Amino acid sequence: MKLRVKLVERAPTERGNPLLYGLAGLAVGIVVSVLLGGLTPAGVGGTASALMTVFGEPSRWLSALPYFTAIAASAAGLALAYRAGFITIGAEGQMVAGMIVAYWLLGRVGAGLAAGLFAAALAGVLLGALVAALRLYLLVNETLASLMLNYVVVSVLNYLVGGPWSAGGFTRTAPLPPDRTLGVATAATIVLATVLLVEAAYRFTRLGVAVDSVGLSRRAAETYGVGFHKTIMAAAAIGGALAGLGGGLYLVAVQQQLTSLNTFQSLGYGYMGILAAWLAGNVIAATLASSWLLGLLYLASTSLQISRVPWSFALAVQAIIVVFVVSAVTLSRYRIVLVRESQ
């Protein structure tokens, strides 16, 4: 007789609140990270102080707004695409494309903020639609195609800021005029409203039914009149629009100029959006919470370094906390069962 551990899915009426489970996982992750902090020069006390500075003081939570703005915009669009089975990782390139187009209109053409942000969203739409078209009509893997496009867009940015758009011979542009910038709180509010609008469209229009149907079974969806090509293209376009808008908002509210980027690391917020979408279980509205958590983790890593914690350990803390949060949220849907097996 031997025992085997098995995860059994709970009935919908038996499931716990994923938010409460996530908060419990966050608390456990912080405790484990503090205990492991004894291995660093900061010690347990220094690690605890650094983490409590971020997670224990509500006044500091607003410091995560710049990161939340960028991450949430990409995460919501990715969650919608993933629900349709369209596994793109192109939000990073779409964000950077949105920044490029927005800067061109705002900083070089002299257009207004509304036009610049609309163009940023449109740039994301075009990139998203390109990846979708490659998938639908040429059978190109969307994950690989979107990743390669990320590198192309970053290379274009580096050419512009190091060449024709360079300011004073540096690999950066001149700052945007003050009247073409936004406050961080305003940018975050725009992202919040946009994500909730997409959530409403998903829940109360045919979009949600089409996305979920295609994601679960293309053949069954088409049998009941749901267009596969139209649904994938719509999910890709909406996701691209959100990411492009997020890039434009990050430019006008936070960075306010373009700078050169590492081709293989880039901004990173589009890639963090993938993690945020996954943490949220691809629930569009829930990406707001997961994006805020990732923004706080970014702040925590900075706070840890100030407390003499090595950068490598700061990254480990992020991973530890994320693992505990994901595990706890998973347990809200499943329970662990020990199964006896006869030999």
Protein backbone atom coordinates (compact mmCIF):
# COMPACT_ATOMS: atom_id res chain seq x y z
CA MET A 1 0.00 0.00 0.00
CA LYS A 2 1.42 3.41 -0.95
CA LEU A 3 0.10 6.95 -0.81
CA ARG A 4 -0.08 9.30 -3.79
CA VAL A 5 -0.75 13.02 -3.62
CA LYS A 6 -3.49 14.18 -5.98
CA LEU A 7 -5.10 17.53 -6.73
CA VAL A 8 -8.90 17.29 -6.93
CA GLU A 9 -10.90 20.18 -8.36
CA ARG A 10 -13.49 21.58 -5.99
CA ALA A 11 -17.11 22.02 -7.05
CA PRO A 12 -17.93 25.67 -7.88
CA THR A 13 -19.93 26.02 -4.66
CA GLU A 14 -17.01 24.70 -2.60
CA ARG A 15 -14.32 26.98 -3.96
CA GLY A 16 -12.75 29.57 -1.73
CA ASN A 17 -12.24 33.24 -2.45
CA PRO A 18 -9.08 33.43 -4.61
CA LEU A 19 -8.35 36.93 -3.31
CA LEU A 20 -8.23 35.74 0.30
CA TYR A 21 -6.12 32.75 -0.68
CA GLY A 22 -3.79 35.05 -2.60
CA LEU A 23 -3.39 37.35 0.39
CA ALA A 24 -2.60 34.34 2.57
CA GLY A 25 0.02 33.21 0.06
CA LEU A 26 1.48 36.72 0.02
CA ALA A 27 1.79 36.69 3.82
CA VAL A 28 3.49 33.27 3.85
CA GLY A 29 5.84 34.31 1.03
CA ILE A 30 6.90 37.42 2.93
CA VAL A 31 7.56 35.41 6.12
CA VAL A 32 9.66 32.85 4.24
CA SER A 33 11.61 35.62 2.49
CA VAL A 34 12.31 37.36 5.82
CA LEU A 35 13.62 34.14 7.35
CA LEU A 36 15.88 33.53 4.36
CA GLY A 37 17.10 37.11 4.73
CA GLY A 38 19.27 35.85 7.57
CA LEU A 39 21.63 34.57 4.88
CA THR A 40 22.29 38.10 3.59
CA PRO A 41 24.29 41.02 5.04
CA ALA A 42 21.01 42.74 5.96
CA GLY A 43 19.97 39.87 8.21
CA VAL A 44 16.42 38.95 9.19
CA GLY A 45 15.76 42.39 10.70
CA GLY A 46 16.97 44.33 7.67
CA THR A 47 15.02 42.14 5.25
CA ALA A 48 11.85 42.42 7.33
CA SER A 49 12.22 46.20 7.57
CA ALA A 50 12.73 46.54 3.80
CA LEU A 51 9.68 44.44 2.96
CA MET A 52 7.46 46.06 5.59
CA THR A 53 8.42 49.46 4.21
CA VAL A 54 6.68 48.47 0.98
CA PHE A 55 3.91 46.07 2.03
CA GLY A 56 3.20 47.43 5.51
CA GLU A 57 2.79 51.13 4.76
CA PRO A 58 -0.30 51.97 2.63
CA SER A 59 1.17 55.40 1.92
CA ARG A 60 3.92 53.69 -0.09
CA TRP A 61 1.53 51.63 -2.20
CA LEU A 62 0.90 54.57 -4.52
CA SER A 63 4.59 54.42 -5.46
CA ALA A 64 3.72 51.34 -7.49
CA LEU A 65 1.43 53.32 -9.81
CA PRO A 66 4.02 53.85 -12.59
CA TYR A 67 4.68 50.11 -12.83
CA PHE A 68 1.00 49.24 -12.41
CA THR A 69 0.07 51.47 -15.35
CA ALA A 70 2.39 49.67 -17.75
CA ILE A 71 1.87 46.13 -16.48
CA ALA A 72 -1.92 46.23 -16.15
CA ALA A 73 -2.46 47.56 -19.67
CA SER A 74 -0.55 44.67 -21.22
CA ALA A 75 -1.82 42.01 -18.78
CA ALA A 76 -5.51 42.63 -19.47
CA GLY A 77 -5.04 42.28 -23.22
CA LEU A 78 -2.92 39.17 -22.82
CA ALA A 79 -5.54 37.59 -20.55
CA LEU A 80 -8.17 38.06 -23.26
CA ALA A 81 -5.90 36.61 -25.95
CA TYR A 82 -4.96 33.62 -23.80
CA ARG A 83 -8.61 32.85 -23.14
CA ALA A 84 -9.01 32.53 -26.90
CA GLY A 85 -6.01 30.20 -27.11
CA PHE A 86 -3.90 32.86 -28.85
CA ILE A 87 -0.58 32.52 -26.98
CA THR A 88 1.20 35.73 -27.88
CA ILE A 89 4.07 37.33 -25.95
CA GLY A 90 4.11 40.45 -28.10
CA ALA A 91 2.89 42.98 -25.52
CA GLU A 92 6.45 44.19 -24.93
CA GLY A 93 6.97 45.15 -28.57
CA GLN A 94 3.49 46.66 -28.78
CA MET A 95 4.22 48.85 -25.75
CA VAL A 96 7.49 50.05 -27.25
CA ALA A 97 5.79 50.70 -30.60
CA GLY A 98 3.15 52.75 -28.79
CA MET A 99 5.89 54.79 -27.14
CA ILE A 100 7.64 55.43 -30.48
CA VAL A 101 4.49 56.55 -32.28
CA ALA A 102 3.29 58.65 -29.34
CA TYR A 103 6.65 60.42 -29.09
CA TRP A 104 6.73 61.10 -32.82
CA LEU A 105 3.32 62.77 -32.73
CA LEU A 106 3.73 64.58 -29.40
CA GLY A 107 7.39 65.50 -29.46
CA ARG A 108 8.14 66.00 -33.13
CA VAL A 109 4.86 66.71 -34.92
CA GLY A 110 3.29 68.68 -32.05
CA ALA A 111 -0.03 66.83 -31.93
CA GLY A 112 -2.25 66.80 -28.85
CA LEU A 113 -2.29 64.17 -26.10
CA ALA A 114 -5.48 62.50 -27.28
CA ALA A 115 -4.07 62.03 -30.79
CA GLY A 116 -0.78 60.70 -29.44
CA LEU A 117 -2.42 58.13 -27.17
CA PHE A 118 -4.87 57.06 -29.89
CA ALA A 119 -1.95 56.54 -32.28
CA ALA A 120 -0.09 54.54 -29.62
CA ALA A 121 -3.08 52.22 -29.27
CA LEU A 122 -3.36 51.95 -33.06
CA ALA A 123 0.32 50.95 -33.32
CA GLY A 124 -0.39 48.12 -30.88
CA VAL A 125 -3.44 47.07 -32.89
CA LEU A 126 -1.41 46.83 -36.10
CA LEU A 127 1.31 44.72 -34.49
CA GLY A 128 -1.25 42.48 -32.82
CA ALA A 129 -3.18 42.06 -36.06
CA LEU A 130 0.05 41.25 -37.93
CA VAL A 131 0.87 38.40 -35.56
CA ALA A 132 -2.72 37.13 -35.78
CA ALA A 133 -2.66 37.25 -39.59
CA LEU A 134 0.59 35.29 -39.66
CA ARG A 135 -1.01 32.67 -37.42
CA LEU A 136 -4.32 32.48 -39.27
CA TYR A 137 -3.22 32.61 -42.90
CA LEU A 138 0.37 31.36 -42.92
CA LEU A 139 0.21 29.05 -39.87
CA VAL A 140 3.16 30.83 -38.23
CA ASN A 141 3.45 30.14 -34.50
CA GLU A 142 2.23 33.30 -32.76
CA THR A 143 4.56 32.91 -29.77
CA LEU A 144 7.67 32.87 -31.93
CA ALA A 145 6.41 35.55 -34.33
CA SER A 146 5.49 37.96 -31.53
CA LEU A 147 8.83 37.41 -29.77
CA MET A 148 10.77 38.20 -32.93
CA LEU A 149 8.69 41.33 -33.51
CA ASN A 150 9.60 42.48 -30.00
CA TYR A 151 13.27 42.46 -31.00
CA VAL A 152 12.52 44.27 -34.26
CA VAL A 153 10.62 47.07 -32.52
CA VAL A 154 13.30 47.57 -29.87
CA SER A 155 15.95 47.72 -32.59
CA VAL A 156 13.95 50.42 -34.39
CA LEU A 157 13.74 52.40 -31.15
CA ASN A 158 17.49 52.12 -30.56
CA TYR A 159 18.16 53.33 -34.11
CA LEU A 160 15.92 56.36 -33.66
CA VAL A 161 17.25 57.46 -30.27
CA GLY A 162 20.85 56.89 -31.34
CA GLY A 163 20.43 58.58 -34.72
CA PRO A 164 17.79 60.92 -36.18
CA TRP A 165 15.97 61.57 -32.88
CA SER A 166 19.05 61.79 -30.68
CA ALA A 167 19.31 64.84 -28.39
CA GLY A 168 22.80 66.27 -27.97
CA GLY A 169 24.58 63.19 -29.23
CA PHE A 170 23.17 60.95 -26.48
CA THR A 171 21.13 57.78 -27.01
CA ARG A 172 17.96 59.46 -25.86
CA THR A 173 15.50 62.00 -27.19
CA ALA A 174 14.63 65.42 -25.90
CA PRO A 175 11.92 65.40 -23.18
CA LEU A 176 8.31 65.96 -24.18
CA PRO A 177 6.93 69.49 -23.72
CA PRO A 178 5.26 69.85 -20.29
CA ASP A 179 1.84 70.46 -21.86
CA ARG A 180 2.01 67.01 -23.53
CA THR A 181 2.53 64.99 -20.36
CA LEU A 182 0.16 63.50 -17.80
CA GLY A 183 0.28 62.80 -14.07
CA VAL A 184 0.91 59.21 -13.05
CA ALA A 185 -2.44 59.04 -11.21
CA THR A 186 -4.29 60.20 -14.33
CA ALA A 187 -2.53 57.62 -16.48
CA ALA A 188 -3.34 54.86 -13.97
CA THR A 189 -7.00 55.95 -13.93
CA ILE A 190 -7.16 55.74 -17.72
CA VAL A 191 -5.76 52.20 -17.61
CA LEU A 192 -8.19 51.22 -14.84
CA ALA A 193 -11.18 52.53 -16.80
CA THR A 194 -10.01 50.87 -20.03
CA VAL A 195 -9.48 47.48 -18.40
CA LEU A 196 -12.91 47.61 -16.76
CA LEU A 197 -14.43 48.54 -20.13
CA VAL A 198 -12.83 45.48 -21.75
CA GLU A 199 -14.03 43.33 -18.83
CA ALA A 200 -17.57 44.63 -19.38
CA ALA A 201 -17.35 43.90 -23.11
CA TYR A 202 -16.13 40.39 -22.32
CA ARG A 203 -18.96 39.71 -19.87
CA PHE A 204 -21.92 41.43 -21.51
CA THR A 205 -21.33 41.12 -25.26
CA ARG A 206 -20.76 38.30 -27.74
CA LEU A 207 -17.02 38.87 -27.38
CA GLY A 208 -16.79 36.81 -24.20
CA VAL A 209 -18.82 33.92 -25.58
CA ALA A 210 -16.77 33.88 -28.79
CA VAL A 211 -13.42 34.07 -27.00
CA ASP A 212 -14.23 31.30 -24.54
CA SER A 213 -15.80 29.09 -27.22
CA VAL A 214 -12.80 29.36 -29.51
CA GLY A 215 -10.42 28.82 -26.63
CA LEU A 216 -12.16 25.65 -25.50
CA SER A 217 -12.90 24.08 -28.87
CA ARG A 218 -12.49 25.64 -32.30
CA ARG A 219 -14.57 22.96 -34.02
CA ALA A 220 -17.47 23.28 -31.59
CA ALA A 221 -17.34 27.07 -31.80
CA GLU A 222 -17.52 27.05 -35.59
CA THR A 223 -20.36 24.52 -35.46
CA TYR A 224 -22.42 27.05 -33.53
CA GLY A 225 -21.55 29.94 -35.81
CA VAL A 226 -18.63 31.51 -33.95
CA GLY A 227 -16.02 32.70 -36.44
CA PHE A 228 -12.55 31.47 -35.47
CA HIS A 229 -10.60 33.93 -37.62
CA LYS A 230 -12.73 36.90 -36.57
CA THR A 231 -12.43 36.04 -32.87
CA ILE A 232 -8.65 35.57 -32.91
CA MET A 233 -8.19 38.80 -34.85
CA ALA A 234 -10.43 40.68 -32.41
CA ALA A 235 -8.60 39.32 -29.35
CA ALA A 236 -5.22 40.14 -30.89
CA ALA A 237 -6.31 43.65 -31.86
CA ILE A 238 -7.79 44.45 -28.45
CA GLY A 239 -4.72 43.09 -26.69
CA GLY A 240 -2.47 45.13 -28.96
CA ALA A 241 -4.52 48.28 -28.39
CA LEU A 242 -4.23 47.90 -24.62
CA ALA A 243 -0.48 47.30 -24.75
CA GLY A 244 0.11 50.18 -27.17
CA LEU A 245 -1.99 52.49 -25.00
CA GLY A 246 -0.03 51.36 -21.95
CA GLY A 247 3.22 52.24 -23.71
CA GLY A 248 1.92 55.66 -24.67
CA LEU A 249 0.73 56.36 -21.14
CA TYR A 250 4.03 55.20 -19.67
CA LEU A 251 5.82 57.61 -21.99
CA VAL A 252 3.72 60.69 -21.19
CA ALA A 253 3.34 60.00 -17.46
CA VAL A 254 6.62 58.41 -16.38
CA GLN A 255 9.51 58.40 -18.83
CA GLN A 256 8.60 61.50 -20.89
CA GLN A 257 11.39 60.78 -23.37
CA LEU A 258 12.70 57.81 -25.31
CA THR A 259 15.94 56.11 -24.28
CA SER A 260 17.87 53.19 -25.72
CA LEU A 261 16.88 49.72 -24.52
CA ASN A 262 18.61 46.39 -24.19
CA THR A 263 17.39 44.31 -27.12
CA PHE A 264 16.89 41.16 -25.05
CA GLN A 265 15.51 42.75 -21.86
CA SER A 266 13.78 45.92 -23.06
CA LEU A 267 11.37 47.64 -20.66
CA GLY A 268 10.17 44.36 -19.21
CA TYR A 269 6.63 45.50 -18.40
CA GLY A 270 5.12 43.64 -21.34
CA TYR A 271 6.80 40.44 -20.21
CA MET A 272 5.64 41.09 -16.64
CA GLY A 273 2.14 41.40 -18.10
CA ILE A 274 2.38 37.72 -19.07
CA LEU A 275 3.04 36.82 -15.44
CA ALA A 276 0.26 39.14 -14.26
CA ALA A 277 -2.24 37.51 -16.65
CA TRP A 278 -1.18 34.08 -15.43
CA LEU A 279 -1.40 35.10 -11.77
CA ALA A 280 -4.93 36.38 -12.42
CA GLY A 281 -6.00 33.11 -14.03
CA ASN A 282 -6.64 35.05 -17.27
CA VAL A 283 -9.51 36.90 -15.57
CA ILE A 284 -9.36 40.36 -17.11
CA ALA A 285 -10.46 42.41 -14.10
CA ALA A 286 -8.24 40.36 -11.77
CA THR A 287 -5.15 41.47 -13.71
CA LEU A 288 -5.55 44.82 -11.95
CA ALA A 289 -4.76 43.16 -8.61
CA SER A 290 -1.95 40.98 -9.94
CA SER A 291 -0.37 43.94 -11.73
CA TRP A 292 -0.44 45.96 -8.52
CA LEU A 293 1.24 43.07 -6.71
CA LEU A 294 4.01 42.90 -9.31
CA GLY A 295 4.47 46.67 -9.03
CA LEU A 296 4.88 46.31 -5.26
CA LEU A 297 7.37 43.49 -5.78
CA TYR A 298 9.39 45.77 -8.04
CA LEU A 299 9.43 48.37 -5.28
CA ALA A 300 10.37 45.69 -2.75
CA SER A 301 13.41 44.64 -4.76
CA THR A 302 14.63 48.26 -4.77
CA SER A 303 14.00 48.59 -1.04
CA LEU A 304 15.91 45.35 -0.39
CA GLN A 305 18.95 46.60 -2.28
CA ILE A 306 18.98 49.81 -0.25
CA SER A 307 19.06 47.57 2.86
CA ARG A 308 22.26 45.85 1.58
CA VAL A 309 20.47 42.80 0.22
CA PRO A 310 22.15 41.50 -2.99
CA TRP A 311 20.25 41.96 -6.25
CA SER A 312 20.21 38.21 -6.84
CA PHE A 313 18.46 37.67 -3.50
CA ALA A 314 16.01 40.48 -4.26
CA LEU A 315 15.03 38.60 -7.44
CA ALA A 316 14.74 35.40 -5.41
CA VAL A 317 12.34 37.17 -3.02
CA GLN A 318 10.13 38.14 -5.96
CA ALA A 319 10.09 34.53 -7.15
CA ILE A 320 9.37 33.14 -3.66
CA ILE A 321 6.42 35.46 -3.10
CA VAL A 322 4.97 34.79 -6.57
CA VAL A 323 5.27 31.01 -6.07
CA PHE A 324 3.40 31.16 -2.75
CA VAL A 325 0.68 33.42 -4.18
CA VAL A 326 0.18 31.15 -7.21
CA SER A 327 0.12 28.04 -5.00
CA ALA A 328 -2.43 29.58 -2.65
CA VAL A 329 -4.71 30.76 -5.48
CA THR A 330 -4.54 27.28 -7.03
CA LEU A 331 -5.67 25.75 -3.74
CA SER A 332 -8.78 27.93 -3.87
CA ARG A 333 -9.91 25.77 -6.80
CA TYR A 334 -8.33 22.45 -5.83
CA ARG A 335 -7.76 20.47 -2.68
CA ILE A 336 -4.92 18.11 -1.90
CA VAL A 337 -6.01 14.51 -1.46
CA LEU A 338 -3.93 11.51 -0.41
CA VAL A 339 -4.92 8.48 -2.47
CA ARG A 340 -4.08 4.99 -1.29
CA GLU A 341 -2.92 2.65 -4.02
CA SER A 342 -2.52 -1.09 -3.60
CA GLN A 343 0.61 -2.60 -5.06
